[in-house]
Amino acid sequence: MSGLNIFQDLLVSAVAMGTPILFAALGEIITEKSGVQNLGIEGMMYIGAITAFLTGLALTAAGLPVLIAMILVVLLSAIAGAMIASLHAYVCLSLRANQIVSGLALAILGTGLSYYIGTVFITDPTAIISEKFTRFSFADGVTIPFVGEILRGFLNQDLLVYFSYVAVIVVWFFIYKTQKGLNLRAIGENPGAADAVGVNVKLSRYIYVMIGGAFAGIGGASLIISAASVGQWGQGMIAGRGWIAIALVIFARWNPKLVIWGAYLFGIAMALESRAQIYGWFDNIFILKMIPYIVTILVLLITFIFSKQKDIGEPESLAKPYDREER
């Protein structure tokens, strides 16, 4: 395999593997911009994945057109992610429990619940979703060296990947260019001031936590129904992507425009885990499996050093409970 072919193969894999992390990180940005910290992303992604698997099996067996079935699967996974996120919102906002403890509990709950539901399918070879989103080949006609490989890496993907491109733009525009986005930033920075001008802080935080959960649910679903997926349920399939997404939010300084490139950086790390052996670069599988987590540690270390020099964009009231009666 030539150098350009390896580059293209690695880029295509990096974009595909980075997309679930990108969805989860976008949701976490929205949640944390509202002042709520959610460490339960891993559990939400598991709930999204098991929902996508079960609904995918049912809808494809029902004979629905593939595209309609897959869109419904994404919507149902988003709803499932939002519903479990509402538990976190209730515990943190209504009961005013510690957000870190609640998030960790949610991560364990989502993981354990999905394991329990999915156990029966692990030994069933017929439990596989054969109809998934298909990959397009929009850039195959580009023959310019290197440029063609880059375009094929980003454009020879499935609809979920294209949706992630749009989601980044929409989330950035919403946060920084709309009145609702200004209110979102206000309740994360100074909820008292936002409350004073008529923003319902508690309701808004409920909504944004659930939106963040919906994005995490979609991220989990993409591991089941994307073109790069095998369409089977597997315990441990999220493999720390939720935790990586949380680290990515810090690395991207809570900015959707930066988070997309960070997601693909982690995508490259994950792609190397499976591709390094194929390319003949390295064959120690245990060290290869460590690569994404080593990258995560390095990213957090670099971000910590950077944060000593200037503001990294963390919302001022992140993880701080707010009660208007205590203003």
Foldseek 3Di string as FASTA:
>chain_A
DDPLVVLLVLLLQLLLQLLLLLLLLLLQLLLQLLQAHALQLQLLLLQLQLQLLVQLVVQVVVVDDLVVSQVVSLQRLLQSLLVLLLVLLCCCFVVVDQRVVSNVVNNVVSLVVSCVVCVVQPPPPVSFRPRFFAWAQPLPVDDPRPVSSNCRSQRRFGPSSVVSVVSLVVSQCLLPPDPVNVLSNCSLAPVLVSVVVPDPSSVSSSVSSSSSSSSSSSSSSSCQGTNPHRNGDDRCSCVCSSVLSVLLCLLQLSRSVSSSVVSSVLSSLLSCLVCCVVVVNDDPNVVSSCRSVVVSVVSNVVSVVVCVPDPSNRHNSRSPHDDNVVD
